[in-house]
Amino acid sequence: MGKKKKSSGEKVGDRITGQLTETAGMMSGSADLEAEGRTIQRSADRTTYTVTARDDGTWEVRTEGATRATSVHDRKDEAVSKAKKLAGNRVPSQLLVYKQDGTVQTEQTYG
């Protein structure tokens, strides 16, 4: 369901790719390419939080790559609220909220 946590080497690679892309955009005069490079760099440091359904009918908030849930809630709206607080306090971050069937319902980026 969630994404695999990136290693520190992969994050460094993303930062370098972003810097090269941004530089290429500046040199070519492409504002879109320049912006894309900045986005790639920011995503290397982004923490992703997920809200997913559990088999017992509860909802969990989990940080990307964690082996255990950050919190477990009886209702989805409670889990989403907690995840929004966590993501809002840790910028840059991303929140992925999944439906009961495992498909992504919403995605929100902070910072």
Protein backbone atom coordinates (compact mmCIF):
# COMPACT_ATOMS: atom_id res chain seq x y z
CA MET A 1 0.00 0.00 0.00
CA GLY A 2 2.54 2.65 1.14
CA LYS A 3 5.77 3.57 -0.54
CA LYS A 4 9.09 2.02 0.43
CA LYS A 5 11.24 4.35 2.54
CA LYS A 6 14.16 5.76 0.59
CA SER A 7 17.68 5.12 1.77
CA SER A 8 19.97 8.05 2.49
CA GLY A 9 21.80 7.30 -0.78
CA GLU A 10 18.55 7.49 -2.74
CA LYS A 11 17.70 10.80 -1.06
CA VAL A 12 21.12 12.21 -1.99
CA GLY A 13 20.53 11.03 -5.56
CA ASP A 14 17.19 12.83 -5.64
CA ARG A 15 18.78 16.04 -4.34
CA ILE A 16 21.49 15.88 -7.01
CA THR A 17 18.95 15.09 -9.73
CA GLY A 18 16.85 18.03 -8.57
CA GLN A 19 19.83 20.38 -8.57
CA LEU A 20 20.84 19.29 -12.07
CA THR A 21 17.28 19.64 -13.34
CA GLU A 22 16.92 23.09 -11.78
CA THR A 23 20.25 24.19 -13.27
CA ALA A 24 19.26 22.87 -16.69
CA GLY A 25 16.04 24.85 -16.43
CA MET A 26 17.91 28.04 -15.53
CA MET A 27 20.38 27.58 -18.37
CA SER A 28 17.71 26.80 -20.94
CA GLY A 29 15.32 29.47 -19.70
CA SER A 30 12.66 26.86 -18.91
CA ALA A 31 10.76 27.92 -15.80
CA ASP A 32 8.89 24.58 -15.81
CA LEU A 33 12.12 22.56 -15.75
CA GLU A 34 13.55 24.82 -13.05
CA ALA A 35 10.44 24.35 -10.88
CA GLU A 36 10.51 20.60 -11.45
CA GLY A 37 14.08 20.50 -10.18
CA ARG A 38 13.11 22.33 -6.99
CA THR A 39 10.22 19.90 -6.47
CA ILE A 40 12.52 16.89 -6.82
CA GLN A 41 14.93 18.36 -4.27
CA ARG A 42 12.14 19.01 -1.75
CA SER A 43 10.69 15.54 -2.16
CA ALA A 44 14.00 14.02 -1.04
CA ASP A 45 13.41 15.37 2.48
CA ARG A 46 9.66 14.86 2.57
CA THR A 47 8.13 12.65 5.25
CA THR A 48 5.07 10.73 4.12
CA TYR A 49 2.22 9.85 6.47
CA THR A 50 -0.49 7.36 5.50
CA VAL A 51 -3.98 6.68 6.83
CA THR A 52 -5.07 3.11 6.09
CA ALA A 53 -7.78 0.68 7.15
CA ARG A 54 -6.81 -2.25 9.35
CA ASP A 55 -8.30 -5.73 9.22
CA ASP A 56 -10.11 -5.20 12.53
CA GLY A 57 -12.03 -2.18 11.18
CA THR A 58 -9.87 0.47 12.84
CA TRP A 59 -7.74 3.06 11.04
CA GLU A 60 -4.01 3.60 11.47
CA VAL A 61 -1.66 6.50 10.93
CA ARG A 62 1.82 5.40 9.88
CA THR A 63 4.99 7.22 8.95
CA GLU A 64 6.55 5.99 5.70
CA GLY A 65 8.95 3.14 6.35
CA ALA A 66 7.87 2.60 9.96
CA THR A 67 7.29 -0.96 11.15
CA ARG A 68 4.57 0.07 13.61
CA ALA A 69 1.62 2.44 13.42
CA THR A 70 2.05 5.90 14.91
CA SER A 71 -1.54 5.76 16.19
CA VAL A 72 -4.69 3.66 15.79
CA HIS A 73 -8.22 5.11 15.76
CA ASP A 74 -11.75 3.72 15.79
CA ARG A 75 -12.90 6.20 13.15
CA LYS A 76 -11.29 7.31 9.90
CA ASP A 77 -11.93 11.00 10.52
CA GLU A 78 -10.00 10.77 13.82
CA ALA A 79 -7.05 9.15 12.03
CA VAL A 80 -7.09 11.78 9.28
CA SER A 81 -7.16 14.58 11.84
CA LYS A 82 -4.16 13.14 13.69
CA ALA A 83 -2.24 12.61 10.44
CA LYS A 84 -2.93 16.19 9.32
CA LYS A 85 -1.52 17.50 12.60
CA LEU A 86 1.60 15.36 12.24
CA ALA A 87 2.16 16.33 8.61
CA GLY A 88 1.52 20.01 9.30
CA ASN A 89 4.11 20.00 12.08
CA ARG A 90 6.77 18.32 9.93
CA VAL A 91 7.30 20.31 6.76
CA PRO A 92 8.01 19.20 4.06
CA SER A 93 5.63 16.29 4.31
CA GLN A 94 2.90 14.48 2.46
CA LEU A 95 -0.34 12.87 3.61
CA LEU A 96 -1.90 9.95 1.74
CA VAL A 97 -5.38 8.90 2.84
CA TYR A 98 -6.55 5.53 1.56
CA LYS A 99 -10.08 4.21 1.10
CA GLN A 100 -11.24 0.96 2.69
CA ASP A 101 -10.48 -0.83 -0.62
CA GLY A 102 -6.83 0.30 -0.61
CA THR A 103 -7.02 2.97 -3.31
CA VAL A 104 -5.83 6.52 -2.63
CA GLN A 105 -8.67 8.84 -1.64
CA THR A 106 -6.69 12.06 -1.13
CA GLU A 107 -3.13 13.28 -1.28
CA GLN A 108 -1.97 16.49 0.38
CA THR A 109 1.48 18.07 0.46
CA TYR A 110 2.70 20.38 3.20
CA GLY A 111 5.51 22.84 2.49
